[in-house]
Amino acid sequence: MTTATCLPLVRDEAWLPVEETAHVGRVRRTATVLAERLGFSESRAAEVGLAVTEIGTNLHKHARQGVVLVRSVRGEQDAAVEVLAVDRGPGIGDQALAWQDGHSTAGTLGVGLGTVRRLASSCAMTSRLGKGTALVARFASRAGWTPEWGVESAAGVTRPIKNEDVCGDAYAVCRSSDRLTLMMCDGSGHGPLAAAASDAAVRYFQANAPLPPDQMVTRLHAALRGTRGGAVAVADIDLVARTVRYCGLGNIAAAVLADGRKHGMISVPGVAGHQARTIRTFDYALPDRAVVVLHSDGLTERWGVDHGSDLVNDAPVLIAATLLREAGVRNDDACVLVARPA
């Protein structure tokens, strides 16, 4: 059996709105407390706080409907704080200029993004005039950090329904030398019981990957008995043959984005853990520069390839964030998982 790794492990800390000055302080405190909990030194936690303050201040001053996701990213030995900021602001026309100290688009000092780039272990941004901006910054506990899990060709974002602290949707990614396997579970309902079902799916997937998608979905169906159950989907991407084998049970939407088009993939009706009359796989071509997207029904399916990110150049997490911003309009738990196979 091919050896696969399911790192990194990502866990959300909080989604925080940034609409007034006091919100900036809350984002800073959340990030620094997480850094301290992950074992960062006092000075490094303070650097995280400074960078996150700049991110929050930019949102407050220049954006509309700005939100920040703070989360942990863990390997077997390493851990990092990741901060994802998304807004519906005016957008940034010249991103290279925006990273330079002293640049401003609104008459302010404008040194924030330069500070973020220097203090972060890695950072990236996507922006579209008239649509908004998404920025991700990752902070390791030490300088000169190279993540043990390597360059990430897939990343996801989850967001709980309003007034819930935990999201009932979850995802996982496993990688081997020639394959990239994606799994998503939308736990039935909302809150802790839905999250318990999706967490059970993640644990089983991580312990047993890789398996052919239909076999994995069949086993997930059995593993979720005794829970609320949920919709599940597995996409197995063959990096050599350039194909995607997909098996979906329930209301997980999936698509291959390539050549300026969105090619939908088929999920069959059912609820893993409760009802699965048919479990089927479908094969799809994976053209060069294609992107694979899975999302729960917390997103509407009425989105296209021109949703506000650069599919060729943007990091998968930024593509996921802009999709969530544009299509995550339903009052529901939401999850987006994006893979851009090399």
Protein backbone atom coordinates (compact mmCIF):
# COMPACT_ATOMS: atom_id res chain seq x y z
CA MET A 1 0.00 0.00 0.00
CA THR A 2 1.23 3.50 -0.85
CA THR A 3 2.42 5.44 2.18
CA ALA A 4 0.45 8.65 2.66
CA THR A 5 0.76 11.58 5.02
CA CYS A 6 -2.20 13.54 6.38
CA LEU A 7 -0.31 16.61 7.56
CA PRO A 8 -0.78 19.39 8.41
CA LEU A 9 -3.66 19.24 10.86
CA VAL A 10 -5.64 22.47 10.96
CA ARG A 11 -8.01 23.53 13.74
CA ASP A 12 -10.01 26.76 13.86
CA GLU A 13 -9.67 28.98 16.89
CA ALA A 14 -12.19 31.71 16.06
CA TRP A 15 -13.86 33.72 13.30
CA LEU A 16 -13.82 37.36 14.38
CA PRO A 17 -15.47 40.37 12.72
CA VAL A 18 -13.40 43.56 12.42
CA GLU A 19 -15.81 46.45 12.12
CA GLU A 20 -14.68 48.77 14.93
CA THR A 21 -11.50 49.61 16.83
CA ALA A 22 -12.23 47.28 19.77
CA HIS A 23 -12.39 44.32 17.39
CA VAL A 24 -8.73 44.80 16.46
CA GLY A 25 -7.70 44.20 20.06
CA ARG A 26 -9.81 41.06 20.26
CA VAL A 27 -8.15 39.62 17.16
CA ARG A 28 -4.70 40.39 18.59
CA ARG A 29 -5.49 38.75 21.91
CA THR A 30 -6.89 35.65 20.25
CA ALA A 31 -3.78 35.21 18.10
CA THR A 32 -1.28 35.83 20.90
CA VAL A 33 -3.08 33.48 23.31
CA LEU A 34 -3.00 30.77 20.64
CA ALA A 35 0.71 31.40 20.02
CA GLU A 36 1.44 31.06 23.73
CA ARG A 37 -0.59 27.86 23.90
CA LEU A 38 1.46 26.45 21.00
CA GLY A 39 4.67 27.11 22.94
CA PHE A 40 5.86 30.31 21.27
CA SER A 41 8.35 32.41 23.21
CA GLU A 42 7.10 35.64 24.76
CA SER A 43 8.92 37.73 22.17
CA ARG A 44 7.61 35.67 19.24
CA ALA A 45 4.05 35.83 20.57
CA ALA A 46 4.45 39.61 20.79
CA GLU A 47 5.56 39.69 17.14
CA VAL A 48 2.47 37.73 16.17
CA GLY A 49 0.37 40.24 18.08
CA LEU A 50 2.00 43.18 16.30
CA ALA A 51 1.49 41.69 12.84
CA VAL A 52 -2.11 40.73 13.57
CA THR A 53 -2.79 44.24 14.88
CA GLU A 54 -1.64 45.61 11.53
CA ILE A 55 -3.89 43.17 9.67
CA GLY A 56 -6.88 44.10 11.81
CA THR A 57 -6.18 47.82 11.55
CA ASN A 58 -6.07 47.60 7.76
CA LEU A 59 -9.43 45.85 7.76
CA HIS A 60 -10.98 48.41 10.08
CA LYS A 61 -9.70 51.43 8.15
CA HIS A 62 -9.99 50.34 4.54
CA ALA A 63 -12.44 47.45 4.19
CA ARG A 64 -16.09 46.51 4.47
CA GLN A 65 -17.38 43.36 6.16
CA GLY A 66 -13.89 42.39 7.25
CA VAL A 67 -13.44 39.13 9.16
CA VAL A 68 -10.39 37.29 10.50
CA LEU A 69 -9.97 33.57 11.02
CA VAL A 70 -7.33 32.56 13.57
CA ARG A 71 -6.33 28.90 13.59
CA SER A 72 -3.55 26.47 14.43
CA VAL A 73 -1.62 24.45 11.86
CA ARG A 74 0.18 21.41 13.29
CA GLY A 75 2.63 18.81 12.09
CA GLU A 76 4.15 15.96 14.07
CA GLN A 77 6.78 18.28 15.54
CA ASP A 78 5.96 21.82 14.38
CA ALA A 79 3.04 24.15 14.95
CA ALA A 80 2.12 27.53 13.55
CA VAL A 81 -0.49 30.24 13.96
CA GLU A 82 -2.34 31.06 10.75
CA VAL A 83 -4.34 34.24 10.28
CA LEU A 84 -6.71 34.59 7.34
CA ALA A 85 -8.29 38.01 6.69
CA VAL A 86 -11.12 38.44 4.18
CA ASP A 87 -13.06 41.56 3.22
CA ARG A 88 -15.41 43.12 0.71
CA GLY A 89 -13.41 46.31 0.43
CA PRO A 90 -12.42 48.27 -2.69
CA GLY A 91 -9.60 45.85 -3.54
CA ILE A 92 -5.95 46.60 -4.24
CA GLY A 93 -4.85 47.39 -7.76
CA ASP A 94 -1.08 47.08 -7.25
CA GLN A 95 -0.38 44.35 -4.72
CA ALA A 96 3.41 44.59 -5.03
CA LEU A 97 3.22 48.27 -4.08
CA ALA A 98 0.87 47.53 -1.19
CA TRP A 99 3.51 45.33 0.48
CA GLN A 100 5.99 48.22 0.57
CA ASP A 101 6.43 50.26 3.74
CA GLY A 102 4.99 53.73 3.53
CA HIS A 103 2.47 52.96 0.82
CA SER A 104 -1.09 54.07 1.49
CA THR A 105 -4.32 54.01 -0.42
CA ALA A 106 -6.31 56.01 2.11
CA GLY A 107 -4.03 58.77 3.37
CA THR A 108 -2.68 56.80 6.33
CA LEU A 109 0.90 55.82 7.13
CA GLY A 110 0.37 52.47 5.43
CA VAL A 111 3.27 50.52 6.97
CA GLY A 112 1.14 47.56 8.07
CA LEU A 113 1.58 45.07 5.27
CA GLY A 114 5.36 45.50 5.19
CA THR A 115 5.44 44.69 8.90
CA VAL A 116 3.27 41.61 8.36
CA ARG A 117 5.55 40.32 5.60
CA ARG A 118 8.68 40.72 7.74
CA LEU A 119 7.24 39.08 10.84
CA ALA A 120 5.34 36.23 9.18
CA SER A 121 7.00 32.95 8.23
CA SER A 122 4.96 33.09 5.02
CA CYS A 123 2.23 35.32 3.67
CA ALA A 124 0.22 35.82 0.51
CA MET A 125 -2.63 37.97 -0.74
CA THR A 126 -5.19 38.05 -3.51
CA SER A 127 -7.28 41.07 -4.38
CA ARG A 128 -9.75 42.13 -7.04
CA LEU A 129 -10.89 45.71 -7.56
CA GLY A 130 -14.51 46.06 -6.57
CA LYS A 131 -14.66 42.63 -4.91
CA GLY A 132 -12.26 42.72 -1.98
CA THR A 133 -9.09 41.20 -0.62
CA ALA A 134 -8.02 37.98 1.11
CA LEU A 135 -4.73 37.73 2.98
CA VAL A 136 -3.14 34.78 4.74
CA ALA A 137 -0.16 34.97 7.10
CA ARG A 138 1.42 32.04 8.90
CA PHE A 139 3.63 32.46 11.96
CA ALA A 140 5.97 29.70 13.09
CA SER A 141 7.47 29.57 16.55
CA ARG A 142 10.99 30.27 15.29
CA ALA A 143 12.78 32.11 12.50
CA GLY A 144 13.96 30.30 9.39
CA TRP A 145 11.18 27.76 9.67
CA THR A 146 10.56 25.27 6.89
CA PRO A 147 7.35 23.28 7.44
CA GLU A 148 7.85 19.53 7.74
CA TRP A 149 4.82 18.91 5.51
CA GLY A 150 6.29 20.82 2.54
CA VAL A 151 4.42 23.00 0.06
CA GLU A 152 0.67 22.58 0.41
CA SER A 153 -1.17 21.80 -2.80
CA ALA A 154 -4.54 21.69 -1.01
CA ALA A 155 -6.12 23.75 1.75
CA GLY A 156 -9.56 24.37 3.17
CA VAL A 157 -11.63 26.79 5.21
CA THR A 158 -14.56 26.07 7.53
CA ARG A 159 -16.99 28.52 9.15
CA PRO A 160 -19.75 27.71 11.66
CA ILE A 161 -23.31 28.90 11.34
CA LYS A 162 -24.06 32.12 13.20
CA ASN A 163 -24.27 31.73 17.00
CA GLU A 164 -22.38 28.41 17.02
CA ASP A 165 -18.78 28.08 18.21
CA VAL A 166 -17.98 24.88 16.29
CA CYS A 167 -18.52 24.01 12.66
CA GLY A 168 -20.33 20.81 11.75
CA ASP A 169 -18.39 20.55 8.48
CA ALA A 170 -14.83 19.24 8.27
CA TYR A 171 -12.24 18.14 5.73
CA ALA A 172 -8.94 16.29 5.51
CA VAL A 173 -6.17 15.87 2.94
CA CYS A 174 -3.72 13.01 2.48
CA ARG A 175 -0.73 13.07 0.15
CA SER A 176 1.60 10.48 -1.33
CA SER A 177 4.20 10.67 -4.07
CA ASP A 178 1.68 10.23 -6.89
CA ARG A 179 -1.72 10.97 -5.32
CA LEU A 180 -3.63 13.68 -3.51
CA THR A 181 -6.78 12.54 -1.71
CA LEU A 182 -9.45 14.92 -0.42
CA MET A 183 -12.24 14.12 2.04
CA MET A 184 -15.12 16.29 3.22
CA CYS A 185 -17.93 15.61 5.68
CA ASP A 186 -20.95 17.82 6.33
CA GLY A 187 -22.28 16.60 9.66
CA SER A 188 -26.08 16.56 9.82
CA GLY A 189 -27.46 19.62 11.57
CA HIS A 190 -25.29 22.09 13.44
CA GLY A 191 -23.30 22.45 16.63
CA PRO A 192 -21.33 19.91 18.68
CA LEU A 193 -23.24 16.80 17.53
CA ALA A 194 -22.74 17.64 13.86
CA ALA A 195 -19.08 18.38 14.59
CA ALA A 196 -18.72 15.02 16.37
CA ALA A 197 -19.90 13.22 13.23
CA SER A 198 -17.57 15.12 10.91
CA ASP A 199 -14.65 14.71 13.33
CA ALA A 200 -15.26 10.95 13.35
CA ALA A 201 -15.09 10.97 9.55
CA VAL A 202 -11.81 12.89 9.61
CA ARG A 203 -10.25 10.54 12.15
CA TYR A 204 -11.25 7.44 10.18
CA PHE A 205 -10.01 8.91 6.90
CA GLN A 206 -6.66 9.90 8.37
CA ALA A 207 -6.17 6.47 9.94
CA ASN A 208 -7.07 4.48 6.82
CA ALA A 209 -6.08 6.54 3.76
CA PRO A 210 -5.38 5.91 1.00
CA LEU A 211 -8.25 3.74 -0.19
CA PRO A 212 -10.20 3.90 -3.46
CA PRO A 213 -12.96 6.53 -3.05
CA ASP A 214 -15.89 4.09 -3.14
CA GLN A 215 -14.24 1.87 -0.54
CA MET A 216 -13.49 4.87 1.68
CA VAL A 217 -17.04 6.22 1.44
CA THR A 218 -18.43 2.74 2.19
CA ARG A 219 -16.25 2.50 5.28
CA LEU A 220 -17.10 6.04 6.35
CA HIS A 221 -20.78 5.11 6.07
CA ALA A 222 -20.14 2.28 8.55
CA ALA A 223 -17.89 4.40 10.79
CA LEU A 224 -20.54 7.10 11.19
CA ARG A 225 -23.24 4.75 12.49
CA GLY A 226 -24.14 5.86 15.98
CA THR A 227 -23.54 9.51 15.10
CA ARG A 228 -25.82 12.03 13.44
CA GLY A 229 -24.18 11.04 10.17
CA GLY A 230 -23.69 13.41 7.30
CA ALA A 231 -22.82 13.96 3.67
CA VAL A 232 -19.36 12.69 2.73
CA ALA A 233 -17.21 12.86 -0.38
CA VAL A 234 -13.77 11.61 -1.41
CA ALA A 235 -11.80 12.82 -4.41
CA ASP A 236 -8.71 10.82 -5.36
CA ILE A 237 -6.41 12.83 -7.63
CA ASP A 238 -3.91 10.81 -9.66
CA LEU A 239 -1.01 13.18 -10.26
CA VAL A 240 0.53 10.96 -12.94
CA ALA A 241 -2.53 9.97 -14.98
CA ARG A 242 -4.05 13.45 -14.43
CA THR A 243 -7.46 12.16 -13.43
CA VAL A 244 -9.87 12.62 -10.55
CA ARG A 245 -11.89 9.68 -9.23
CA TYR A 246 -14.77 11.06 -7.19
CA CYS A 247 -17.33 9.47 -4.87
CA GLY A 248 -19.87 11.64 -3.10
CA LEU A 249 -22.78 10.62 -0.83
CA GLY A 250 -25.16 13.45 0.00
CA ASN A 251 -25.04 17.17 -0.60
CA ILE A 252 -21.31 17.78 -1.10
CA ALA A 253 -20.71 19.76 -4.30
CA ALA A 254 -17.53 19.22 -6.30
CA ALA A 255 -16.04 20.60 -9.49
CA VAL A 256 -12.94 20.70 -11.65
CA LEU A 257 -12.07 24.24 -12.72
CA ALA A 258 -10.05 24.33 -15.95
CA ASP A 259 -9.79 26.25 -19.19
CA GLY A 260 -12.12 28.95 -17.92
CA ARG A 261 -14.91 26.46 -17.20
CA LYS A 262 -16.46 24.75 -14.18
CA HIS A 263 -17.01 21.01 -14.66
CA GLY A 264 -19.33 19.67 -11.95
CA MET A 265 -18.79 16.25 -10.37
CA ILE A 266 -21.66 13.99 -9.31
CA SER A 267 -22.68 13.07 -5.76
CA VAL A 268 -25.47 10.53 -5.20
CA PRO A 269 -28.29 10.89 -2.62
CA GLY A 270 -27.78 9.51 0.88
CA VAL A 271 -26.59 10.16 4.43
CA ALA A 272 -23.43 8.43 5.60
CA GLY A 273 -24.14 6.50 8.78
CA HIS A 274 -27.84 6.16 7.99
CA GLN A 275 -28.79 5.65 4.34
CA ALA A 276 -26.66 4.72 1.34
CA ARG A 277 -28.58 2.82 -1.32
CA THR A 278 -25.93 3.51 -3.97
CA ILE A 279 -22.25 4.36 -3.68
CA ARG A 280 -20.64 5.14 -7.03
CA THR A 281 -17.43 6.60 -8.36
CA PHE A 282 -17.09 8.84 -11.37
CA ASP A 283 -13.90 9.64 -13.29
CA TYR A 284 -12.95 13.08 -14.57
CA ALA A 285 -10.03 14.47 -16.53
CA LEU A 286 -7.61 16.81 -14.77
CA PRO A 287 -6.19 19.25 -17.34
CA ASP A 288 -2.99 21.18 -16.74
CA ARG A 289 -3.44 24.06 -14.27
CA ALA A 290 -6.77 22.64 -13.14
CA VAL A 291 -8.19 23.30 -9.68
CA VAL A 292 -10.40 20.84 -7.78
CA VAL A 293 -13.03 22.25 -5.41
CA LEU A 294 -15.24 20.50 -2.85
CA HIS A 295 -17.75 22.40 -0.72
CA SER A 296 -20.66 21.78 1.60
CA ASP A 297 -24.16 23.16 1.10
CA GLY A 298 -23.26 26.14 3.24
CA LEU A 299 -22.23 27.58 -0.12
CA THR A 300 -24.56 28.13 -3.01
CA GLU A 301 -23.53 26.36 -6.21
CA ARG A 302 -24.15 29.52 -8.24
CA TRP A 303 -20.53 30.56 -8.56
CA GLY A 304 -18.15 30.47 -11.49
CA VAL A 305 -14.45 30.46 -12.22
CA ASP A 306 -14.32 34.27 -12.07
CA HIS A 307 -15.22 34.50 -8.39
CA GLY A 308 -12.48 36.88 -7.28
CA SER A 309 -9.24 34.89 -7.09
CA ASP A 310 -6.49 33.90 -9.52
CA LEU A 311 -6.83 30.16 -10.09
CA VAL A 312 -3.39 29.91 -11.68
CA ASN A 313 -1.32 31.78 -9.12
CA ASP A 314 -3.17 32.06 -5.80
CA ALA A 315 -2.55 29.71 -2.90
CA PRO A 316 -5.38 27.16 -2.44
CA VAL A 317 -6.32 28.70 0.92
CA LEU A 318 -6.90 32.08 -0.75
CA ILE A 319 -9.04 30.51 -3.46
CA ALA A 320 -11.07 28.79 -0.73
CA ALA A 321 -11.43 32.05 1.20
CA THR A 322 -12.69 34.03 -1.78
CA LEU A 323 -15.12 31.26 -2.68
CA LEU A 324 -16.46 31.33 0.86
CA ARG A 325 -16.80 35.11 0.67
CA GLU A 326 -18.66 35.07 -2.63
CA ALA A 327 -20.78 31.91 -2.32
CA GLY A 328 -21.08 31.32 1.44
CA VAL A 329 -24.27 33.32 1.69
CA ARG A 330 -26.48 30.71 3.31
CA ASN A 331 -27.09 30.74 7.06
CA ASP A 332 -25.42 27.38 7.54
CA ASP A 333 -22.14 25.74 8.43
CA ALA A 334 -19.78 26.11 5.48
CA CYS A 335 -16.69 24.31 4.27
CA VAL A 336 -14.54 24.77 1.16
CA LEU A 337 -11.59 22.58 0.15
CA VAL A 338 -9.38 23.52 -2.81
CA ALA A 339 -6.61 21.51 -4.44
CA ARG A 340 -4.30 22.68 -7.20
CA PRO A 341 -2.23 19.61 -8.11
CA ALA A 342 1.25 20.37 -9.39
